[in-house]
Amino acid sequence: MKNATPKKTVLLAESRTLLRIGLREILDETGDMAVTGETTDSADTIRSIRDLCPEVVVMGPLSDCADSLEAARKIVAELPGEAPRFLALVDVWDARSLDVAEPEVGGLLFTNASAEELRAAIRMLSAGYSLLAPEACQRAVRTVAAGSPRTPPVADMTSRELDVLRLLARGYTNAEISRDLSLSESTVKSHVQNVLHKKHLRNRAGAVIYAYETGLMKVGENPAHLSRRRYPQEERSRAANA
């Protein structure tokens, strides 16, 4: 008999009792995740990380630090080389959210996110990726829109890499991209790495911002149509080969 796939271990660090209970209920209903503990202050969170070794810490305000982003950074500083990935929960947009995609922090999610968005965020962090909440990405795009546009994304990318980037920008996981484009997950992962390398991007969050900043994606675009969308360079190529 095959061994069951190990569950992703999650620590809930959140001082708000009702929200913490809600988070646990969501994750307890998720087959591939297990809540290993709950904490309400920094000292207990550090102890639990050392004792329980969770893969992801869902970080909200703590009794001794009302700022979830700041709490995550302080705990990381206390655990050099030992810290897991942090998913910081925030209630409103904050310009500092643009810095969340640092490897030592992990990611950010708004507290009005859906249960599935929470699960997807934890899976991404567990897999080693960084992420930025979709609303934060859109605000980031509006912020940089006034500046000089970057090189058009089609300049040195294949049509398949563009497909992957478009779906990545909508928050799809590798598995979801794999299903949508009928590719293996290893191939998808290779395409993602190629995109990051070609565009000198640090992580998936950077790729999302890049896709919106360059106009490859539009805010509110329907993901169901992404894999059928064509771009000028692709049209010229098809015309030349006709």
C-alpha atoms as a PDB file:
ATOM      1  CA  MET A   1       0.000   0.000   0.000  1.00  0.00           C
ATOM      2  CA  LYS A   2       1.330   3.440  -0.944  1.00  0.00           C
ATOM      3  CA  ASN A   3       2.188   5.872   1.812  1.00  0.00           C
ATOM      4  CA  ALA A   4      -0.134   8.857   2.104  1.00  0.00           C
ATOM      5  CA  THR A   5       1.269  12.147   0.839  1.00  0.00           C
ATOM      6  CA  PRO A   6       2.556  14.173   3.827  1.00  0.00           C
ATOM      7  CA  LYS A   7       0.330  17.093   4.715  1.00  0.00           C
ATOM      8  CA  LYS A   8       1.549  20.673   4.588  1.00  0.00           C
ATOM      9  CA  THR A   9       2.030  21.788   8.183  1.00  0.00           C
ATOM     10  CA  VAL A  10       0.696  25.196   9.206  1.00  0.00           C
ATOM     11  CA  LEU A  11       1.057  27.266  12.365  1.00  0.00           C
ATOM     12  CA  LEU A  12      -1.615  29.883  13.071  1.00  0.00           C
ATOM     13  CA  ALA A  13      -0.095  32.974  14.720  1.00  0.00           C
ATOM     14  CA  GLU A  14      -3.067  35.250  15.281  1.00  0.00           C
ATOM     15  CA  SER A  15      -4.314  37.077  18.388  1.00  0.00           C
ATOM     16  CA  ARG A  16      -7.880  37.577  17.116  1.00  0.00           C
ATOM     17  CA  THR A  17      -9.731  34.556  18.457  1.00  0.00           C
ATOM     18  CA  LEU A  18     -12.648  34.492  16.010  1.00  0.00           C
ATOM     19  CA  LEU A  19     -10.407  34.870  12.976  1.00  0.00           C
ATOM     20  CA  ARG A  20      -8.063  32.174  14.289  1.00  0.00           C
ATOM     21  CA  ILE A  21     -10.984  29.787  14.763  1.00  0.00           C
ATOM     22  CA  GLY A  22     -12.169  30.501  11.224  1.00  0.00           C
ATOM     23  CA  LEU A  23      -8.724  29.848   9.777  1.00  0.00           C
ATOM     24  CA  ARG A  24      -8.467  26.539  11.613  1.00  0.00           C
ATOM     25  CA  GLU A  25     -11.881  25.405  10.382  1.00  0.00           C
ATOM     26  CA  ILE A  26     -10.921  26.179   6.788  1.00  0.00           C
ATOM     27  CA  LEU A  27      -7.612  24.326   7.023  1.00  0.00           C
ATOM     28  CA  ASP A  28      -9.035  21.387   8.976  1.00  0.00           C
ATOM     29  CA  GLU A  29     -11.376  20.801   6.022  1.00  0.00           C
ATOM     30  CA  THR A  30      -8.429  20.783   3.599  1.00  0.00           C
ATOM     31  CA  GLY A  31      -7.142  17.300   2.904  1.00  0.00           C
ATOM     32  CA  ASP A  32      -3.510  18.214   2.262  1.00  0.00           C
ATOM     33  CA  MET A  33      -2.982  20.572   5.229  1.00  0.00           C
ATOM     34  CA  ALA A  34      -2.638  20.148   8.986  1.00  0.00           C
ATOM     35  CA  VAL A  35      -2.686  22.879  11.647  1.00  0.00           C
ATOM     36  CA  THR A  36       0.082  21.948  14.071  1.00  0.00           C
ATOM     37  CA  GLY A  37      -0.480  24.746  16.580  1.00  0.00           C
ATOM     38  CA  GLU A  38      -1.902  28.164  17.428  1.00  0.00           C
ATOM     39  CA  THR A  39      -0.130  31.130  19.029  1.00  0.00           C
ATOM     40  CA  THR A  40      -1.069  34.664  20.037  1.00  0.00           C
ATOM     41  CA  ASP A  41       2.272  36.378  20.800  1.00  0.00           C
ATOM     42  CA  SER A  42       5.800  36.561  19.408  1.00  0.00           C
ATOM     43  CA  ALA A  43       7.559  34.508  22.097  1.00  0.00           C
ATOM     44  CA  ASP A  44       5.090  31.626  21.821  1.00  0.00           C
ATOM     45  CA  THR A  45       5.289  31.782  18.023  1.00  0.00           C
ATOM     46  CA  ILE A  46       9.078  31.465  18.099  1.00  0.00           C
ATOM     47  CA  ARG A  47       8.885  28.530  20.519  1.00  0.00           C
ATOM     48  CA  SER A  48       6.256  26.795  18.406  1.00  0.00           C
ATOM     49  CA  ILE A  49       8.264  27.251  15.221  1.00  0.00           C
ATOM     50  CA  ARG A  50      11.270  25.624  16.877  1.00  0.00           C
ATOM     51  CA  ASP A  51       9.240  22.806  18.428  1.00  0.00           C
ATOM     52  CA  LEU A  52       6.780  22.076  15.627  1.00  0.00           C
ATOM     53  CA  CYS A  53       8.779  23.035  12.510  1.00  0.00           C
ATOM     54  CA  PRO A  54       5.769  24.163  10.424  1.00  0.00           C
ATOM     55  CA  GLU A  55       6.234  24.734   6.710  1.00  0.00           C
ATOM     56  CA  VAL A  56       4.066  27.865   6.708  1.00  0.00           C
ATOM     57  CA  VAL A  57       3.075  30.341   9.417  1.00  0.00           C
ATOM     58  CA  VAL A  58      -0.171  32.202   8.782  1.00  0.00           C
ATOM     59  CA  MET A  59       0.668  35.465  10.505  1.00  0.00           C
ATOM     60  CA  GLY A  60      -1.876  37.965  11.770  1.00  0.00           C
ATOM     61  CA  PRO A  61      -1.585  40.688  14.415  1.00  0.00           C
ATOM     62  CA  LEU A  62      -0.162  39.426  17.716  1.00  0.00           C
ATOM     63  CA  SER A  63      -0.871  40.569  21.247  1.00  0.00           C
ATOM     64  CA  ASP A  64       2.570  42.200  21.380  1.00  0.00           C
ATOM     65  CA  CYS A  65       2.743  43.361  17.743  1.00  0.00           C
ATOM     66  CA  ALA A  66      -0.371  44.599  15.970  1.00  0.00           C
ATOM     67  CA  ASP A  67       1.388  44.749  12.583  1.00  0.00           C
ATOM     68  CA  SER A  68       1.498  41.308  10.957  1.00  0.00           C
ATOM     69  CA  LEU A  69       4.230  42.271   8.466  1.00  0.00           C
ATOM     70  CA  GLU A  70       6.450  43.696  11.179  1.00  0.00           C
ATOM     71  CA  ALA A  71       5.798  40.676  13.416  1.00  0.00           C
ATOM     72  CA  ALA A  72       6.870  38.305  10.646  1.00  0.00           C
ATOM     73  CA  ARG A  73      10.097  40.219  10.024  1.00  0.00           C
ATOM     74  CA  LYS A  74      10.948  40.355  13.736  1.00  0.00           C
ATOM     75  CA  ILE A  75      10.414  36.622  14.130  1.00  0.00           C
ATOM     76  CA  VAL A  76      12.524  35.882  11.063  1.00  0.00           C
ATOM     77  CA  ALA A  77      15.319  37.967  12.596  1.00  0.00           C
ATOM     78  CA  GLU A  78      15.089  35.861  15.767  1.00  0.00           C
ATOM     79  CA  LEU A  79      15.347  32.617  13.809  1.00  0.00           C
ATOM     80  CA  PRO A  80      18.240  32.969  11.353  1.00  0.00           C
ATOM     81  CA  GLY A  81      18.228  29.949   9.085  1.00  0.00           C
ATOM     82  CA  GLU A  82      15.301  28.357  10.956  1.00  0.00           C
ATOM     83  CA  ALA A  83      12.311  30.416   9.889  1.00  0.00           C
ATOM     84  CA  PRO A  84       9.537  28.862   7.772  1.00  0.00           C
ATOM     85  CA  ARG A  85       7.574  30.786   5.142  1.00  0.00           C
ATOM     86  CA  PHE A  86       5.175  33.450   6.438  1.00  0.00           C
ATOM     87  CA  LEU A  87       1.796  34.370   5.002  1.00  0.00           C
ATOM     88  CA  ALA A  88       1.034  37.792   6.468  1.00  0.00           C
ATOM     89  CA  LEU A  89      -2.656  38.692   6.771  1.00  0.00           C
ATOM     90  CA  VAL A  90      -3.549  42.371   6.356  1.00  0.00           C
ATOM     91  CA  ASP A  91      -6.884  44.178   6.410  1.00  0.00           C
ATOM     92  CA  VAL A  92      -6.097  47.082   4.083  1.00  0.00           C
ATOM     93  CA  TRP A  93      -3.658  48.043   1.349  1.00  0.00           C
ATOM     94  CA  ASP A  94      -0.259  49.197   2.575  1.00  0.00           C
ATOM     95  CA  ALA A  95       2.574  50.426   0.328  1.00  0.00           C
ATOM     96  CA  ARG A  96       4.947  48.161   2.245  1.00  0.00           C
ATOM     97  CA  SER A  97       3.136  45.235   0.652  1.00  0.00           C
ATOM     98  CA  LEU A  98       5.404  45.679  -2.360  1.00  0.00           C
ATOM     99  CA  ASP A  99       8.313  44.511  -0.192  1.00  0.00           C
ATOM    100  CA  VAL A 100       6.574  41.374   1.056  1.00  0.00           C
ATOM    101  CA  ALA A 101       7.909  39.187  -1.717  1.00  0.00           C
ATOM    102  CA  GLU A 102      11.261  39.027   0.036  1.00  0.00           C
ATOM    103  CA  PRO A 103      12.330  35.388   0.408  1.00  0.00           C
ATOM    104  CA  GLU A 104      12.445  35.580   4.202  1.00  0.00           C
ATOM    105  CA  VAL A 105       8.858  36.802   4.483  1.00  0.00           C
ATOM    106  CA  GLY A 106       7.010  34.836   1.861  1.00  0.00           C
ATOM    107  CA  GLY A 107       3.680  36.385   1.005  1.00  0.00           C
ATOM    108  CA  LEU A 108       0.709  38.575   1.795  1.00  0.00           C
ATOM    109  CA  LEU A 109      -3.028  37.981   1.720  1.00  0.00           C
ATOM    110  CA  PHE A 110      -5.929  40.259   2.563  1.00  0.00           C
ATOM    111  CA  THR A 111      -8.324  39.076   5.253  1.00  0.00           C
ATOM    112  CA  ASN A 112     -11.241  39.326   2.804  1.00  0.00           C
ATOM    113  CA  ALA A 113      -9.679  36.592   0.635  1.00  0.00           C
ATOM    114  CA  SER A 114     -11.683  33.439  -0.042  1.00  0.00           C
ATOM    115  CA  ALA A 115     -10.982  30.091   1.594  1.00  0.00           C
ATOM    116  CA  GLU A 116      -9.619  28.764  -1.703  1.00  0.00           C
ATOM    117  CA  GLU A 117      -7.286  31.756  -2.069  1.00  0.00           C
ATOM    118  CA  LEU A 118      -5.962  31.013   1.415  1.00  0.00           C
ATOM    119  CA  ARG A 119      -5.353  27.375   0.542  1.00  0.00           C
ATOM    120  CA  ALA A 120      -3.685  28.304  -2.761  1.00  0.00           C
ATOM    121  CA  ALA A 121      -1.419  30.829  -1.004  1.00  0.00           C
ATOM    122  CA  ILE A 122      -0.281  28.241   1.540  1.00  0.00           C
ATOM    123  CA  ARG A 123       0.418  25.712  -1.205  1.00  0.00           C
ATOM    124  CA  MET A 124       2.506  28.253  -3.117  1.00  0.00           C
ATOM    125  CA  LEU A 125       4.559  29.177  -0.067  1.00  0.00           C
ATOM    126  CA  SER A 126       5.042  25.537   0.844  1.00  0.00           C
ATOM    127  CA  ALA A 127       6.347  24.925  -2.681  1.00  0.00           C
ATOM    128  CA  GLY A 128       8.948  27.662  -2.224  1.00  0.00           C
ATOM    129  CA  TYR A 129       7.300  30.518  -4.090  1.00  0.00           C
ATOM    130  CA  SER A 130       6.600  34.073  -2.931  1.00  0.00           C
ATOM    131  CA  LEU A 131       3.325  35.799  -3.600  1.00  0.00           C
ATOM    132  CA  LEU A 132       1.502  39.093  -3.431  1.00  0.00           C
ATOM    133  CA  ALA A 133      -2.243  39.498  -2.930  1.00  0.00           C
ATOM    134  CA  PRO A 134      -4.021  40.153  -6.274  1.00  0.00           C
ATOM    135  CA  GLU A 135      -5.380  43.505  -5.063  1.00  0.00           C
ATOM    136  CA  ALA A 136      -1.855  44.517  -4.065  1.00  0.00           C
ATOM    137  CA  CYS A 137      -0.570  43.605  -7.503  1.00  0.00           C
ATOM    138  CA  GLN A 138      -3.208  45.739  -9.164  1.00  0.00           C
ATOM    139  CA  ARG A 139      -2.396  48.731  -6.980  1.00  0.00           C
ATOM    140  CA  ALA A 140       1.304  48.186  -7.643  1.00  0.00           C
ATOM    141  CA  VAL A 141       0.597  48.285 -11.361  1.00  0.00           C
ATOM    142  CA  ARG A 142      -1.293  51.552 -11.038  1.00  0.00           C
ATOM    143  CA  THR A 143       1.589  52.988  -9.024  1.00  0.00           C
ATOM    144  CA  VAL A 144       4.234  52.187 -11.629  1.00  0.00           C
ATOM    145  CA  ALA A 145       1.996  52.954 -14.619  1.00  0.00           C
ATOM    146  CA  ALA A 146       3.097  56.596 -14.615  1.00  0.00           C
ATOM    147  CA  GLY A 147       6.725  55.578 -15.141  1.00  0.00           C
ATOM    148  CA  SER A 148       8.470  54.411 -18.287  1.00  0.00           C
ATOM    149  CA  PRO A 149       7.079  51.110 -19.609  1.00  0.00           C
ATOM    150  CA  ARG A 150       9.368  48.112 -19.693  1.00  0.00           C
ATOM    151  CA  THR A 151      10.389  46.239 -22.811  1.00  0.00           C
ATOM    152  CA  PRO A 152       7.320  44.588 -24.388  1.00  0.00           C
ATOM    153  CA  PRO A 153       6.998  41.075 -22.959  1.00  0.00           C
ATOM    154  CA  VAL A 154       6.780  39.405 -26.390  1.00  0.00           C
ATOM    155  CA  ALA A 155      10.231  40.583 -27.411  1.00  0.00           C
ATOM    156  CA  ASP A 156      12.191  37.510 -26.341  1.00  0.00           C
ATOM    157  CA  MET A 157       9.579  35.038 -25.136  1.00  0.00           C
ATOM    158  CA  THR A 158       7.972  32.059 -26.834  1.00  0.00           C
ATOM    159  CA  SER A 159       4.192  31.868 -27.231  1.00  0.00           C
ATOM    160  CA  ARG A 160       4.091  29.083 -24.638  1.00  0.00           C
ATOM    161  CA  GLU A 161       6.036  31.189 -22.124  1.00  0.00           C
ATOM    162  CA  LEU A 162       3.520  33.972 -22.715  1.00  0.00           C
ATOM    163  CA  ASP A 163       0.679  31.542 -22.034  1.00  0.00           C
ATOM    164  CA  VAL A 164       2.323  30.514 -18.775  1.00  0.00           C
ATOM    165  CA  LEU A 165       2.975  34.113 -17.732  1.00  0.00           C
ATOM    166  CA  ARG A 166      -0.627  35.124 -18.427  1.00  0.00           C
ATOM    167  CA  LEU A 167      -2.003  32.342 -16.256  1.00  0.00           C
ATOM    168  CA  LEU A 168       0.635  32.924 -13.602  1.00  0.00           C
ATOM    169  CA  ALA A 169      -0.485  36.556 -13.482  1.00  0.00           C
ATOM    170  CA  ARG A 170      -4.018  35.385 -12.665  1.00  0.00           C
ATOM    171  CA  GLY A 171      -2.700  33.502  -9.636  1.00  0.00           C
ATOM    172  CA  TYR A 172      -2.782  30.001 -11.127  1.00  0.00           C
ATOM    173  CA  THR A 173      -0.621  27.362  -9.456  1.00  0.00           C
ATOM    174  CA  ASN A 174       1.712  25.170 -11.524  1.00  0.00           C
ATOM    175  CA  ALA A 175      -0.833  22.347 -11.331  1.00  0.00           C
ATOM    176  CA  GLU A 176      -3.622  24.609 -12.624  1.00  0.00           C
ATOM    177  CA  ILE A 177      -1.433  25.916 -15.451  1.00  0.00           C
ATOM    178  CA  SER A 178      -0.530  22.326 -16.273  1.00  0.00           C
ATOM    179  CA  ARG A 179      -4.203  21.370 -16.618  1.00  0.00           C
ATOM    180  CA  ASP A 180      -5.157  24.497 -18.578  1.00  0.00           C
ATOM    181  CA  LEU A 181      -2.333  24.170 -21.119  1.00  0.00           C
ATOM    182  CA  SER A 182      -2.102  20.350 -21.155  1.00  0.00           C
ATOM    183  CA  LEU A 183       1.532  20.399 -20.061  1.00  0.00           C
ATOM    184  CA  SER A 184       3.366  18.404 -17.412  1.00  0.00           C
ATOM    185  CA  GLU A 185       4.046  20.245 -14.156  1.00  0.00           C
ATOM    186  CA  SER A 186       7.796  19.878 -14.716  1.00  0.00           C
ATOM    187  CA  THR A 187       7.418  21.590 -18.101  1.00  0.00           C
ATOM    188  CA  VAL A 188       5.382  24.366 -16.535  1.00  0.00           C
ATOM    189  CA  LYS A 189       8.017  24.836 -13.857  1.00  0.00           C
ATOM    190  CA  SER A 190      10.679  25.059 -16.559  1.00  0.00           C
ATOM    191  CA  HIS A 191       8.671  27.719 -18.420  1.00  0.00           C
ATOM    192  CA  VAL A 192       8.208  29.725 -15.220  1.00  0.00           C
ATOM    193  CA  GLN A 193      11.942  29.655 -14.549  1.00  0.00           C
ATOM    194  CA  ASN A 194      12.638  30.734 -18.142  1.00  0.00           C
ATOM    195  CA  VAL A 195      10.267  33.686 -17.752  1.00  0.00           C
ATOM    196  CA  LEU A 196      11.924  34.786 -14.508  1.00  0.00           C
ATOM    197  CA  HIS A 197      15.395  34.448 -16.043  1.00  0.00           C
ATOM    198  CA  LYS A 198      14.610  36.250 -19.302  1.00  0.00           C
ATOM    199  CA  LYS A 199      12.926  39.172 -17.581  1.00  0.00           C
ATOM    200  CA  HIS A 200      15.347  39.323 -14.638  1.00  0.00           C
ATOM    201  CA  LEU A 201      12.527  38.801 -12.155  1.00  0.00           C
ATOM    202  CA  ARG A 202      13.144  37.584  -8.601  1.00  0.00           C
ATOM    203  CA  ASN A 203       9.993  35.555  -8.076  1.00  0.00           C
ATOM    204  CA  ARG A 204       6.408  34.909  -9.180  1.00  0.00           C
ATOM    205  CA  ALA A 205       5.170  38.075  -7.501  1.00  0.00           C
ATOM    206  CA  GLY A 206       7.567  40.070  -9.675  1.00  0.00           C
ATOM    207  CA  ALA A 207       6.282  38.235 -12.740  1.00  0.00           C
ATOM    208  CA  VAL A 208       2.684  39.153 -11.869  1.00  0.00           C
ATOM    209  CA  ILE A 209       3.544  42.833 -11.526  1.00  0.00           C
ATOM    210  CA  TYR A 210       5.581  42.695 -14.750  1.00  0.00           C
ATOM    211  CA  ALA A 211       2.670  41.177 -16.686  1.00  0.00           C
ATOM    212  CA  TYR A 212       0.301  43.979 -15.657  1.00  0.00           C
ATOM    213  CA  GLU A 213       2.908  46.738 -15.895  1.00  0.00           C
ATOM    214  CA  THR A 214       3.741  45.908 -19.515  1.00  0.00           C
ATOM    215  CA  GLY A 215       0.129  45.540 -20.590  1.00  0.00           C
ATOM    216  CA  LEU A 216       0.358  41.800 -21.165  1.00  0.00           C
ATOM    217  CA  MET A 217      -2.532  41.469 -18.709  1.00  0.00           C
ATOM    218  CA  LYS A 218      -5.426  43.816 -17.992  1.00  0.00           C
ATOM    219  CA  VAL A 219      -7.045  44.174 -14.578  1.00  0.00           C
ATOM    220  CA  GLY A 220     -10.259  42.153 -14.542  1.00  0.00           C
ATOM    221  CA  GLU A 221      -9.457  40.127 -17.669  1.00  0.00           C
ATOM    222  CA  ASN A 222     -11.315  36.824 -17.772  1.00  0.00           C
ATOM    223  CA  PRO A 223      -8.827  33.953 -17.239  1.00  0.00           C
ATOM    224  CA  ALA A 224     -11.028  31.631 -19.298  1.00  0.00           C
ATOM    225  CA  HIS A 225      -9.892  33.443 -22.435  1.00  0.00           C
ATOM    226  CA  LEU A 226      -6.189  33.745 -21.671  1.00  0.00           C
ATOM    227  CA  SER A 227      -4.889  30.699 -23.513  1.00  0.00           C
ATOM    228  CA  ARG A 228      -6.710  31.777 -26.686  1.00  0.00           C
ATOM    229  CA  ARG A 229      -5.418  35.346 -26.725  1.00  0.00           C
ATOM    230  CA  ARG A 230      -2.941  36.301 -29.457  1.00  0.00           C
ATOM    231  CA  TYR A 231      -0.305  39.024 -29.577  1.00  0.00           C
ATOM    232  CA  PRO A 232       1.039  41.149 -32.441  1.00  0.00           C
ATOM    233  CA  GLN A 233       4.330  39.281 -32.691  1.00  0.00           C
ATOM    234  CA  GLU A 234       2.519  35.948 -32.843  1.00  0.00           C
ATOM    235  CA  GLU A 235       0.135  37.260 -35.521  1.00  0.00           C
ATOM    236  CA  ARG A 236       3.049  38.491 -37.655  1.00  0.00           C
ATOM    237  CA  SER A 237       4.750  35.135 -37.294  1.00  0.00           C
ATOM    238  CA  ARG A 238       1.602  33.269 -38.375  1.00  0.00           C
ATOM    239  CA  ALA A 239       1.148  35.592 -41.349  1.00  0.00           C
ATOM    240  CA  ALA A 240       4.749  35.102 -42.469  1.00  0.00           C
ATOM    241  CA  ASN A 241       4.388  31.322 -42.307  1.00  0.00           C
ATOM    242  CA  ALA A 242       1.006  31.223 -44.044  1.00  0.00           C
END
